N, C-alpha and C. Protein backbone atom coordinates (compact mmCIF):
# COMPACT_ATOMS: atom_id res chain seq x y z
N MET A 1 -21.13 -40.37 42.60
CA MET A 1 -20.62 -39.61 41.48
C MET A 1 -21.06 -38.15 41.64
N THR A 2 -20.13 -37.26 41.50
CA THR A 2 -20.44 -35.84 41.60
C THR A 2 -20.30 -35.19 40.24
N THR A 3 -21.16 -34.26 40.00
CA THR A 3 -21.07 -33.50 38.75
C THR A 3 -20.63 -32.09 39.08
N THR A 4 -19.84 -31.56 38.22
CA THR A 4 -19.37 -30.18 38.43
C THR A 4 -19.96 -29.29 37.36
N ARG A 5 -20.33 -28.15 37.79
CA ARG A 5 -20.86 -27.15 36.87
C ARG A 5 -19.72 -26.25 36.41
N PRO A 6 -19.79 -25.82 35.18
CA PRO A 6 -18.76 -24.84 34.76
C PRO A 6 -18.94 -23.54 35.53
N VAL A 7 -17.85 -22.99 35.93
CA VAL A 7 -17.88 -21.76 36.71
C VAL A 7 -17.73 -20.58 35.76
N ALA A 8 -18.61 -19.62 35.91
CA ALA A 8 -18.54 -18.41 35.09
C ALA A 8 -17.30 -17.61 35.48
N PRO A 9 -16.63 -17.04 34.50
CA PRO A 9 -15.44 -16.25 34.82
C PRO A 9 -15.81 -15.03 35.65
N ASP A 10 -14.91 -14.66 36.51
CA ASP A 10 -15.13 -13.51 37.39
C ASP A 10 -14.83 -12.24 36.60
N THR A 11 -15.87 -11.50 36.27
CA THR A 11 -15.69 -10.26 35.50
C THR A 11 -15.58 -9.04 36.40
N SER A 12 -15.63 -9.23 37.69
CA SER A 12 -15.56 -8.08 38.59
C SER A 12 -14.21 -7.39 38.51
N LEU A 13 -13.14 -8.17 38.25
CA LEU A 13 -11.82 -7.54 38.12
C LEU A 13 -11.75 -6.69 36.86
N VAL A 14 -12.35 -7.17 35.79
CA VAL A 14 -12.34 -6.39 34.54
C VAL A 14 -13.16 -5.13 34.73
N THR A 15 -14.33 -5.25 35.34
CA THR A 15 -15.18 -4.09 35.58
C THR A 15 -14.48 -3.10 36.50
N ALA A 16 -13.87 -3.59 37.54
CA ALA A 16 -13.17 -2.70 38.46
C ALA A 16 -11.98 -2.03 37.77
N GLY A 17 -11.29 -2.78 36.92
CA GLY A 17 -10.15 -2.22 36.19
C GLY A 17 -10.59 -1.14 35.22
N ALA A 18 -11.69 -1.39 34.51
CA ALA A 18 -12.20 -0.39 33.57
C ALA A 18 -12.67 0.85 34.31
N ARG A 19 -13.32 0.64 35.43
CA ARG A 19 -13.80 1.78 36.22
C ARG A 19 -12.63 2.57 36.78
N SER A 20 -11.56 1.89 37.18
CA SER A 20 -10.41 2.61 37.75
C SER A 20 -9.70 3.45 36.70
N VAL A 21 -9.90 3.14 35.42
CA VAL A 21 -9.32 3.95 34.35
C VAL A 21 -10.31 5.01 33.89
N ALA A 22 -11.59 4.65 33.76
CA ALA A 22 -12.59 5.55 33.19
C ALA A 22 -12.90 6.75 34.09
N VAL A 23 -13.03 6.52 35.37
CA VAL A 23 -13.41 7.61 36.27
C VAL A 23 -12.32 8.69 36.34
N PRO A 24 -11.06 8.35 36.57
CA PRO A 24 -10.04 9.41 36.58
C PRO A 24 -9.90 10.11 35.22
N LEU A 25 -10.09 9.34 34.15
CA LEU A 25 -10.02 9.95 32.82
C LEU A 25 -11.14 10.96 32.63
N TRP A 26 -12.36 10.62 33.05
CA TRP A 26 -13.49 11.56 32.96
C TRP A 26 -13.24 12.79 33.82
N LEU A 27 -12.67 12.60 34.99
CA LEU A 27 -12.42 13.75 35.87
C LEU A 27 -11.35 14.67 35.30
N ARG A 28 -10.41 14.12 34.54
CA ARG A 28 -9.35 14.94 33.95
C ARG A 28 -9.75 15.58 32.64
N LEU A 29 -10.59 14.89 31.84
CA LEU A 29 -10.87 15.35 30.49
C LEU A 29 -12.37 15.38 30.17
N PRO A 30 -13.20 16.00 30.96
CA PRO A 30 -14.63 15.95 30.68
C PRO A 30 -15.01 16.66 29.38
N PHE A 31 -14.41 17.79 29.10
CA PHE A 31 -14.74 18.53 27.88
C PHE A 31 -14.33 17.74 26.64
N THR A 32 -13.13 17.21 26.64
CA THR A 32 -12.63 16.45 25.49
C THR A 32 -13.48 15.22 25.23
N ILE A 33 -13.81 14.49 26.28
CA ILE A 33 -14.63 13.29 26.12
C ILE A 33 -16.02 13.66 25.60
N THR A 34 -16.57 14.75 26.08
CA THR A 34 -17.89 15.19 25.60
C THR A 34 -17.83 15.59 24.13
N VAL A 35 -16.81 16.32 23.72
CA VAL A 35 -16.67 16.74 22.33
C VAL A 35 -16.52 15.53 21.42
N VAL A 36 -15.70 14.57 21.81
CA VAL A 36 -15.52 13.36 21.01
C VAL A 36 -16.83 12.59 20.90
N ALA A 37 -17.58 12.49 22.00
CA ALA A 37 -18.86 11.79 21.96
C ALA A 37 -19.86 12.49 21.05
N VAL A 38 -19.89 13.82 21.10
CA VAL A 38 -20.81 14.58 20.23
C VAL A 38 -20.40 14.42 18.76
N LEU A 39 -19.11 14.49 18.47
CA LEU A 39 -18.65 14.31 17.10
C LEU A 39 -19.02 12.93 16.57
N LEU A 40 -18.82 11.90 17.38
CA LEU A 40 -19.20 10.56 16.95
C LEU A 40 -20.70 10.45 16.73
N ALA A 41 -21.49 11.08 17.58
CA ALA A 41 -22.94 11.04 17.41
C ALA A 41 -23.37 11.74 16.13
N VAL A 42 -22.75 12.88 15.82
CA VAL A 42 -23.06 13.60 14.58
C VAL A 42 -22.65 12.77 13.37
N GLU A 43 -21.49 12.14 13.44
CA GLU A 43 -21.03 11.31 12.33
C GLU A 43 -21.97 10.12 12.10
N VAL A 44 -22.45 9.52 13.16
CA VAL A 44 -23.40 8.42 13.02
C VAL A 44 -24.72 8.93 12.46
N ALA A 45 -25.17 10.09 12.95
CA ALA A 45 -26.46 10.64 12.51
C ALA A 45 -26.44 11.05 11.04
N THR A 46 -25.32 11.59 10.57
CA THR A 46 -25.24 12.02 9.18
C THR A 46 -24.76 10.93 8.24
N GLY A 47 -24.28 9.84 8.80
CA GLY A 47 -23.81 8.73 7.98
C GLY A 47 -22.40 8.91 7.47
N THR A 48 -21.63 9.83 8.02
CA THR A 48 -20.28 10.08 7.54
C THR A 48 -19.22 9.35 8.36
N LEU A 49 -19.63 8.53 9.30
CA LEU A 49 -18.66 7.79 10.10
C LEU A 49 -17.94 6.76 9.25
N LEU A 50 -18.68 6.05 8.42
CA LEU A 50 -18.08 4.99 7.62
C LEU A 50 -17.86 5.38 6.16
N SER A 51 -18.55 6.38 5.68
CA SER A 51 -18.34 6.84 4.31
C SER A 51 -18.04 8.33 4.34
N GLY A 52 -17.27 8.77 3.38
CA GLY A 52 -16.87 10.16 3.36
C GLY A 52 -18.02 11.11 3.08
N VAL A 53 -17.85 12.32 3.46
CA VAL A 53 -18.88 13.33 3.24
C VAL A 53 -18.97 13.70 1.76
N GLN A 54 -17.93 13.42 0.99
CA GLN A 54 -17.93 13.75 -0.43
C GLN A 54 -19.01 13.01 -1.20
N THR A 55 -19.49 11.91 -0.66
CA THR A 55 -20.52 11.13 -1.36
C THR A 55 -21.92 11.67 -1.10
N ARG A 56 -22.07 12.62 -0.23
CA ARG A 56 -23.38 13.18 0.09
C ARG A 56 -23.78 14.26 -0.91
N GLY A 57 -25.07 14.39 -1.14
CA GLY A 57 -25.57 15.36 -2.10
C GLY A 57 -25.36 16.80 -1.66
N TRP A 58 -25.31 17.04 -0.35
CA TRP A 58 -25.18 18.40 0.16
C TRP A 58 -23.72 18.82 0.29
N TYR A 59 -22.79 17.98 -0.11
CA TYR A 59 -21.37 18.31 0.03
C TYR A 59 -21.00 19.56 -0.76
N SER A 60 -21.51 19.69 -1.97
CA SER A 60 -21.15 20.85 -2.79
C SER A 60 -21.69 22.15 -2.20
N ASP A 61 -22.74 22.05 -1.38
CA ASP A 61 -23.28 23.26 -0.75
C ASP A 61 -22.42 23.77 0.40
N ILE A 62 -21.71 22.87 1.07
CA ILE A 62 -20.92 23.29 2.23
C ILE A 62 -19.41 23.29 1.97
N ALA A 63 -18.99 22.71 0.85
CA ALA A 63 -17.56 22.62 0.55
C ALA A 63 -17.00 24.00 0.21
N TYR A 64 -15.73 24.17 0.48
CA TYR A 64 -15.11 25.44 0.13
C TYR A 64 -13.79 25.18 -0.59
N GLY A 65 -13.29 26.18 -1.25
CA GLY A 65 -12.08 26.05 -2.04
C GLY A 65 -12.29 26.66 -3.41
N LEU A 66 -11.43 26.32 -4.34
CA LEU A 66 -11.48 26.91 -5.67
C LEU A 66 -12.80 26.62 -6.40
N PRO A 67 -13.32 25.38 -6.37
CA PRO A 67 -14.60 25.16 -7.05
C PRO A 67 -15.74 26.01 -6.49
N ALA A 68 -15.76 26.21 -5.20
CA ALA A 68 -16.80 27.03 -4.59
C ALA A 68 -16.65 28.49 -4.99
N VAL A 69 -15.42 28.98 -5.03
CA VAL A 69 -15.19 30.37 -5.44
C VAL A 69 -15.57 30.55 -6.91
N GLU A 70 -15.24 29.57 -7.74
CA GLU A 70 -15.62 29.65 -9.16
C GLU A 70 -17.13 29.63 -9.33
N ALA A 71 -17.84 29.00 -8.39
CA ALA A 71 -19.30 28.94 -8.45
C ALA A 71 -19.94 30.22 -7.90
N GLY A 72 -19.12 31.18 -7.46
CA GLY A 72 -19.65 32.44 -6.99
C GLY A 72 -19.79 32.56 -5.48
N ARG A 73 -19.38 31.54 -4.75
CA ARG A 73 -19.45 31.61 -3.29
C ARG A 73 -18.10 32.08 -2.75
N TRP A 74 -17.85 33.38 -2.87
CA TRP A 74 -16.56 33.97 -2.51
C TRP A 74 -16.26 33.92 -1.02
N TRP A 75 -17.27 33.80 -0.18
CA TRP A 75 -17.08 33.84 1.26
C TRP A 75 -16.61 32.49 1.83
N THR A 76 -16.67 31.44 1.04
CA THR A 76 -16.35 30.12 1.59
C THR A 76 -14.92 29.97 2.10
N PRO A 77 -13.89 30.55 1.45
CA PRO A 77 -12.56 30.45 2.06
C PRO A 77 -12.46 31.15 3.41
N VAL A 78 -13.18 32.24 3.58
CA VAL A 78 -13.17 32.96 4.86
C VAL A 78 -13.85 32.13 5.95
N THR A 79 -15.04 31.63 5.64
CA THR A 79 -15.75 30.84 6.66
C THR A 79 -15.05 29.52 6.91
N GLY A 80 -14.41 28.95 5.89
CA GLY A 80 -13.66 27.72 6.08
C GLY A 80 -12.44 27.93 6.96
N ALA A 81 -11.76 29.05 6.78
CA ALA A 81 -10.59 29.35 7.62
C ALA A 81 -11.01 29.59 9.07
N LEU A 82 -12.17 30.16 9.27
CA LEU A 82 -12.63 30.41 10.64
C LEU A 82 -13.11 29.13 11.32
N SER A 83 -13.53 28.15 10.54
CA SER A 83 -14.07 26.93 11.16
C SER A 83 -13.00 25.90 11.45
N ARG A 84 -11.78 26.16 11.10
CA ARG A 84 -10.71 25.18 11.38
C ARG A 84 -10.12 25.44 12.68
């Protein structure tokens, strides 16, 4: 009587396939990939990835628009337009 062991799936094709896509993508878009990675890291660090920034206590300090102008921060529309 012979016993057979389950064979682990060959993941080398998946790894090779992912590498064949990732490397050319990195070579074509290094700046974009870096910016996206930094943005995701900042969102995770500040906790705004899953919840909006409006729920944070410091939102009113950095927000701009009519409420900020009414509060006396007249420069916020200018700095907001420059940051977009």
